[in-house]
Amino acid sequence: QVQLVESGGGLVQAGGSLRLSCAYSRVIFGINTLGWYHQAPGKQRELVASIIRSGSTNYADSVKGRFTISRDNAKNTVYLQMNSLKPEDTAVYYCQLSDNINRDYWGQGTQVTVSS
């Protein structure tokens, strides 16, 4: 069973920065995609950013130019650097991993709160 553990959330003022980290355990069948999602109260969980095996990245329009997803294969960790944070970025952020046999795994989530 793959386990993912997020860290790095917290309270920050608008315009500030946070870096989220997600450490994942060994993936027997290999990793297809790593992603970050967020879920605000009363809203559906949405994709924020993803990175595939080749290193190509994808971002939600709302975070393009402000957020950067990256991975460190040696450390089994994926990061989300969040700059120029806005109050509307406030949400629980979840790390997600899809392996090469299409199984999905999720972390427990980390709260990000941006004050105005």
N, C-alpha and C. Protein backbone atom coordinates (compact mmCIF):
# COMPACT_ATOMS: atom_id res chain seq x y z
N GLN A 1 0.84 -1.19 0.00
CA GLN A 1 0.00 0.00 0.00
C GLN A 1 0.88 1.25 0.00
N VAL A 2 0.64 2.12 -0.97
CA VAL A 2 1.42 3.36 -1.06
C VAL A 2 0.89 4.36 -0.05
N GLN A 3 1.79 5.00 0.64
CA GLN A 3 1.41 6.03 1.60
C GLN A 3 1.99 7.37 1.17
N LEU A 4 1.20 8.42 1.34
CA LEU A 4 1.63 9.78 1.02
C LEU A 4 1.41 10.66 2.25
N VAL A 5 2.40 11.46 2.58
CA VAL A 5 2.32 12.32 3.74
C VAL A 5 2.67 13.75 3.33
N GLU A 6 1.68 14.63 3.45
CA GLU A 6 1.88 16.04 3.09
C GLU A 6 2.37 16.82 4.30
N SER A 7 3.07 17.90 4.02
CA SER A 7 3.49 18.84 5.05
C SER A 7 3.69 20.20 4.41
N GLY A 8 3.77 21.23 5.25
CA GLY A 8 4.09 22.56 4.75
C GLY A 8 2.93 23.54 4.71
N GLY A 9 1.75 23.09 5.04
CA GLY A 9 0.62 24.00 5.05
C GLY A 9 0.70 24.96 6.23
N GLY A 10 -0.21 25.94 6.24
CA GLY A 10 -0.22 26.89 7.34
C GLY A 10 -0.98 28.14 6.99
N LEU A 11 -0.78 29.15 7.81
CA LEU A 11 -1.43 30.44 7.65
C LEU A 11 -0.43 31.44 7.09
N VAL A 12 -0.82 32.15 6.04
CA VAL A 12 0.07 33.12 5.42
C VAL A 12 -0.76 34.32 4.96
N GLN A 13 -0.14 35.47 4.92
CA GLN A 13 -0.84 36.66 4.43
C GLN A 13 -0.87 36.66 2.90
N ALA A 14 -1.84 37.34 2.35
CA ALA A 14 -1.93 37.48 0.90
C ALA A 14 -0.62 38.05 0.36
N GLY A 15 -0.18 37.48 -0.75
CA GLY A 15 1.08 37.88 -1.34
C GLY A 15 2.26 37.05 -0.88
N GLY A 16 2.06 36.25 0.16
CA GLY A 16 3.13 35.44 0.69
C GLY A 16 3.31 34.14 -0.06
N SER A 17 4.21 33.30 0.47
CA SER A 17 4.56 32.04 -0.18
C SER A 17 4.54 30.89 0.82
N LEU A 18 4.27 29.71 0.30
CA LEU A 18 4.38 28.47 1.05
C LEU A 18 4.91 27.40 0.11
N ARG A 19 5.61 26.42 0.67
CA ARG A 19 6.00 25.25 -0.11
C ARG A 19 5.44 24.00 0.56
N LEU A 20 4.62 23.30 -0.18
CA LEU A 20 4.08 22.03 0.29
C LEU A 20 4.99 20.90 -0.17
N SER A 21 5.10 19.90 0.69
CA SER A 21 5.87 18.70 0.37
C SER A 21 4.99 17.47 0.54
N CYS A 22 5.23 16.47 -0.25
CA CYS A 22 4.51 15.21 -0.15
C CYS A 22 5.52 14.08 -0.32
N ALA A 23 5.76 13.37 0.75
CA ALA A 23 6.66 12.23 0.71
C ALA A 23 5.85 10.97 0.48
N TYR A 24 6.27 10.15 -0.48
CA TYR A 24 5.53 8.94 -0.79
C TYR A 24 6.40 7.70 -0.63
N SER A 25 5.76 6.60 -0.30
CA SER A 25 6.48 5.35 -0.11
C SER A 25 6.74 4.69 -1.46
N ARG A 26 7.47 3.60 -1.41
CA ARG A 26 7.85 2.89 -2.64
C ARG A 26 6.62 2.48 -3.44
N VAL A 27 6.69 2.68 -4.76
CA VAL A 27 5.58 2.35 -5.66
C VAL A 27 6.02 1.18 -6.54
N ILE A 28 5.45 0.03 -6.29
CA ILE A 28 5.93 -1.19 -6.93
C ILE A 28 5.81 -1.14 -8.45
N PHE A 29 4.70 -0.63 -8.96
CA PHE A 29 4.46 -0.65 -10.40
C PHE A 29 4.90 0.64 -11.09
N GLY A 30 5.56 1.50 -10.36
CA GLY A 30 6.05 2.74 -10.96
C GLY A 30 5.00 3.84 -10.95
N ILE A 31 5.45 5.06 -11.07
CA ILE A 31 4.58 6.23 -10.97
C ILE A 31 4.26 6.75 -12.36
N ASN A 32 2.98 6.98 -12.61
CA ASN A 32 2.56 7.60 -13.85
C ASN A 32 2.43 9.11 -13.67
N THR A 33 1.70 9.52 -12.63
CA THR A 33 1.43 10.94 -12.41
C THR A 33 1.46 11.27 -10.93
N LEU A 34 1.97 12.45 -10.61
CA LEU A 34 1.87 13.02 -9.28
C LEU A 34 1.12 14.34 -9.40
N GLY A 35 0.25 14.59 -8.44
CA GLY A 35 -0.54 15.80 -8.55
C GLY A 35 -0.87 16.42 -7.20
N TRP A 36 -1.23 17.67 -7.27
CA TRP A 36 -1.76 18.39 -6.10
C TRP A 36 -3.17 18.86 -6.44
N TYR A 37 -4.08 18.61 -5.50
CA TYR A 37 -5.47 19.06 -5.62
C TYR A 37 -5.79 19.94 -4.41
N HIS A 38 -6.81 20.76 -4.55
CA HIS A 38 -7.30 21.46 -3.38
C HIS A 38 -8.82 21.38 -3.31
N GLN A 39 -9.30 21.54 -2.08
CA GLN A 39 -10.74 21.50 -1.84
C GLN A 39 -11.10 22.55 -0.81
N ALA A 40 -11.86 23.54 -1.26
CA ALA A 40 -12.35 24.59 -0.37
C ALA A 40 -13.68 24.14 0.24
N PRO A 41 -14.07 24.71 1.38
CA PRO A 41 -15.32 24.30 2.03
C PRO A 41 -16.51 24.44 1.09
N GLY A 42 -17.30 23.39 1.00
CA GLY A 42 -18.49 23.42 0.16
C GLY A 42 -18.25 23.27 -1.31
N LYS A 43 -17.00 23.04 -1.71
CA LYS A 43 -16.67 22.92 -3.13
C LYS A 43 -16.06 21.55 -3.42
N GLN A 44 -16.03 21.22 -4.71
CA GLN A 44 -15.43 19.95 -5.11
C GLN A 44 -13.91 20.04 -5.10
N ARG A 45 -13.29 18.89 -4.99
CA ARG A 45 -11.84 18.82 -5.07
C ARG A 45 -11.42 19.09 -6.52
N GLU A 46 -10.42 19.96 -6.69
CA GLU A 46 -9.99 20.37 -8.02
C GLU A 46 -8.50 20.16 -8.19
N LEU A 47 -8.10 19.87 -9.41
CA LEU A 47 -6.69 19.74 -9.73
C LEU A 47 -6.02 21.10 -9.71
N VAL A 48 -4.90 21.19 -9.03
CA VAL A 48 -4.10 22.42 -9.00
C VAL A 48 -2.93 22.30 -9.98
N ALA A 49 -2.20 21.19 -9.87
CA ALA A 49 -1.02 20.99 -10.72
C ALA A 49 -0.69 19.51 -10.76
N SER A 50 -0.08 19.08 -11.86
CA SER A 50 0.34 17.69 -11.98
C SER A 50 1.64 17.61 -12.75
N ILE A 51 2.35 16.50 -12.53
CA ILE A 51 3.60 16.25 -13.24
C ILE A 51 3.62 14.78 -13.63
N ILE A 52 3.94 14.51 -14.89
CA ILE A 52 3.94 13.14 -15.37
C ILE A 52 5.36 12.59 -15.42
N ARG A 53 5.46 11.33 -15.81
CA ARG A 53 6.74 10.62 -15.78
C ARG A 53 7.83 11.35 -16.55
N SER A 54 7.46 11.97 -17.67
CA SER A 54 8.45 12.65 -18.50
C SER A 54 8.93 13.96 -17.89
N GLY A 55 8.20 14.43 -16.88
CA GLY A 55 8.53 15.72 -16.29
C GLY A 55 7.64 16.85 -16.75
N SER A 56 6.78 16.57 -17.72
CA SER A 56 5.85 17.62 -18.19
C SER A 56 4.87 17.97 -17.08
N THR A 57 4.52 19.23 -17.03
CA THR A 57 3.64 19.72 -15.97
C THR A 57 2.36 20.31 -16.54
N ASN A 58 1.37 20.38 -15.70
CA ASN A 58 0.07 20.95 -16.07
C ASN A 58 -0.46 21.73 -14.87
N TYR A 59 -1.06 22.88 -15.13
CA TYR A 59 -1.54 23.75 -14.06
C TYR A 59 -2.97 24.21 -14.32
N ALA A 60 -3.72 24.39 -13.24
CA ALA A 60 -5.01 25.06 -13.35
C ALA A 60 -4.76 26.51 -13.76
N ASP A 61 -5.68 27.07 -14.53
CA ASP A 61 -5.50 28.44 -15.00
C ASP A 61 -5.34 29.42 -13.84
N SER A 62 -6.00 29.13 -12.73
CA SER A 62 -6.01 30.06 -11.60
C SER A 62 -4.65 30.17 -10.91
N VAL A 63 -3.75 29.20 -11.16
CA VAL A 63 -2.46 29.22 -10.46
C VAL A 63 -1.27 29.37 -11.41
N LYS A 64 -1.52 29.40 -12.70
CA LYS A 64 -0.42 29.53 -13.67
C LYS A 64 0.38 30.79 -13.40
N GLY A 65 1.69 30.63 -13.39
CA GLY A 65 2.58 31.76 -13.13
C GLY A 65 2.82 32.02 -11.66
N ARG A 66 2.07 31.36 -10.79
CA ARG A 66 2.24 31.56 -9.34
C ARG A 66 2.72 30.29 -8.63
N PHE A 67 2.26 29.15 -9.08
CA PHE A 67 2.59 27.87 -8.44
C PHE A 67 3.52 27.07 -9.35
N THR A 68 4.38 26.27 -8.71
CA THR A 68 5.28 25.39 -9.45
C THR A 68 5.32 24.02 -8.79
N ILE A 69 5.05 22.98 -9.58
CA ILE A 69 5.15 21.61 -9.09
C ILE A 69 6.50 21.05 -9.51
N SER A 70 7.11 20.28 -8.63
CA SER A 70 8.39 19.64 -8.95
C SER A 70 8.50 18.35 -8.16
N ARG A 71 9.45 17.50 -8.56
CA ARG A 71 9.63 16.24 -7.85
C ARG A 71 11.11 15.96 -7.67
N ASP A 72 11.41 15.27 -6.60
CA ASP A 72 12.77 14.82 -6.33
C ASP A 72 12.71 13.30 -6.22
N ASN A 73 13.12 12.63 -7.27
CA ASN A 73 13.00 11.17 -7.30
C ASN A 73 13.86 10.50 -6.24
N ALA A 74 15.00 11.09 -5.94
CA ALA A 74 15.90 10.50 -4.94
C ALA A 74 15.28 10.53 -3.55
N LYS A 75 14.43 11.52 -3.31
CA LYS A 75 13.81 11.67 -2.00
C LYS A 75 12.36 11.18 -1.99
N ASN A 76 11.88 10.67 -3.13
CA ASN A 76 10.47 10.23 -3.21
C ASN A 76 9.54 11.33 -2.70
N THR A 77 9.74 12.52 -3.21
CA THR A 77 8.97 13.67 -2.73
C THR A 77 8.53 14.54 -3.90
N VAL A 78 7.31 15.03 -3.81
CA VAL A 78 6.81 16.00 -4.77
C VAL A 78 6.49 17.29 -4.01
N TYR A 79 6.76 18.41 -4.66
CA TYR A 79 6.61 19.70 -4.01
C TYR A 79 5.60 20.57 -4.77
N LEU A 80 5.04 21.52 -4.05
CA LEU A 80 4.24 22.56 -4.68
C LEU A 80 4.68 23.89 -4.08
N GLN A 81 5.41 24.66 -4.88
CA GLN A 81 5.82 25.99 -4.46
C GLN A 81 4.70 26.96 -4.82
N MET A 82 4.19 27.65 -3.82
CA MET A 82 3.06 28.56 -4.03
C MET A 82 3.50 29.98 -3.70
N ASN A 83 3.50 30.84 -4.70
CA ASN A 83 3.89 32.24 -4.53
C ASN A 83 2.69 33.14 -4.81
N SER A 84 2.81 34.37 -4.39
CA SER A 84 1.75 35.36 -4.61
C SER A 84 0.38 34.81 -4.21
N LEU A 85 0.33 34.25 -3.04
CA LEU A 85 -0.91 33.59 -2.59
C LEU A 85 -2.04 34.59 -2.43
N LYS A 86 -3.24 34.11 -2.72
CA LYS A 86 -4.46 34.92 -2.64
C LYS A 86 -5.42 34.28 -1.66
N PRO A 87 -6.32 35.06 -1.07
CA PRO A 87 -7.32 34.46 -0.16
C PRO A 87 -8.10 33.32 -0.81
N GLU A 88 -8.34 33.40 -2.10
CA GLU A 88 -9.10 32.34 -2.77
C GLU A 88 -8.30 31.05 -2.93
N ASP A 89 -7.02 31.06 -2.58
CA ASP A 89 -6.23 29.83 -2.58
C ASP A 89 -6.45 29.02 -1.30
N THR A 90 -7.17 29.60 -0.35
CA THR A 90 -7.44 28.92 0.91
C THR A 90 -8.21 27.63 0.66
N ALA A 91 -7.67 26.52 1.16
CA ALA A 91 -8.27 25.21 0.94
C ALA A 91 -7.42 24.16 1.65
N VAL A 92 -7.95 22.94 1.67
CA VAL A 92 -7.13 21.79 2.04
C VAL A 92 -6.46 21.29 0.76
N TYR A 93 -5.17 21.09 0.83
CA TYR A 93 -4.40 20.64 -0.33
C TYR A 93 -4.04 19.17 -0.15
N TYR A 94 -4.31 18.40 -1.20
CA TYR A 94 -4.08 16.96 -1.17
C TYR A 94 -3.06 16.57 -2.24
N CYS A 95 -2.19 15.67 -1.87
CA CYS A 95 -1.25 15.07 -2.79
C CYS A 95 -1.88 13.79 -3.36
N GLN A 96 -1.67 13.56 -4.65
CA GLN A 96 -2.25 12.38 -5.30
C GLN A 96 -1.20 11.72 -6.17
N LEU A 97 -1.22 10.39 -6.18
CA LEU A 97 -0.27 9.61 -6.99
C LEU A 97 -1.05 8.57 -7.78
N SER A 98 -0.78 8.49 -9.07
CA SER A 98 -1.34 7.43 -9.91
C SER A 98 -0.20 6.54 -10.37
N ASP A 99 -0.36 5.23 -10.17
CA ASP A 99 0.71 4.34 -10.61
C ASP A 99 0.45 3.84 -12.02
N ASN A 100 1.34 2.99 -12.52
CA ASN A 100 1.26 2.57 -13.92
C ASN A 100 0.23 1.49 -14.19
N ILE A 101 -0.50 1.07 -13.15
CA ILE A 101 -1.65 0.20 -13.38
C ILE A 101 -2.94 0.90 -12.95
N ASN A 102 -2.87 2.25 -13.00
CA ASN A 102 -4.05 3.11 -12.84
C ASN A 102 -4.69 3.05 -11.46
N ARG A 103 -3.90 2.79 -10.46
CA ARG A 103 -4.40 2.90 -9.10
C ARG A 103 -4.02 4.27 -8.56
N ASP A 104 -4.96 4.87 -7.84
CA ASP A 104 -4.77 6.21 -7.28
C ASP A 104 -4.61 6.13 -5.77
N TYR A 105 -3.73 6.97 -5.26
CA TYR A 105 -3.49 7.07 -3.83
C TYR A 105 -3.53 8.55 -3.42
N TRP A 106 -4.00 8.79 -2.19
CA TRP A 106 -4.16 10.16 -1.71
C TRP A 106 -3.51 10.33 -0.35
N GLY A 107 -3.00 11.54 -0.11
CA GLY A 107 -2.54 11.90 1.21
C GLY A 107 -3.70 12.36 2.06
N GLN A 108 -3.40 12.71 3.30
CA GLN A 108 -4.44 13.07 4.26
C GLN A 108 -4.85 14.54 4.14
N GLY A 109 -4.07 15.32 3.43
CA GLY A 109 -4.39 16.73 3.23
C GLY A 109 -3.68 17.64 4.21
N THR A 110 -3.42 18.85 3.76
CA THR A 110 -2.82 19.87 4.62
C THR A 110 -3.53 21.19 4.37
N GLN A 111 -3.85 21.89 5.44
CA GLN A 111 -4.64 23.12 5.34
C GLN A 111 -3.75 24.30 4.95
N VAL A 112 -4.19 25.06 3.97
CA VAL A 112 -3.55 26.32 3.60
C VAL A 112 -4.59 27.42 3.78
N THR A 113 -4.25 28.42 4.57
CA THR A 113 -5.14 29.54 4.82
C THR A 113 -4.41 30.83 4.47
N VAL A 114 -5.02 31.61 3.58
CA VAL A 114 -4.43 32.88 3.15
C VAL A 114 -5.32 34.01 3.65
N SER A 115 -4.76 34.85 4.48
CA SER A 115 -5.53 35.97 5.04
C SER A 115 -5.36 37.21 4.16
N SER A 116 -6.40 38.01 4.14
CA SER A 116 -6.37 39.23 3.30
C SER A 116 -5.82 40.41 4.08
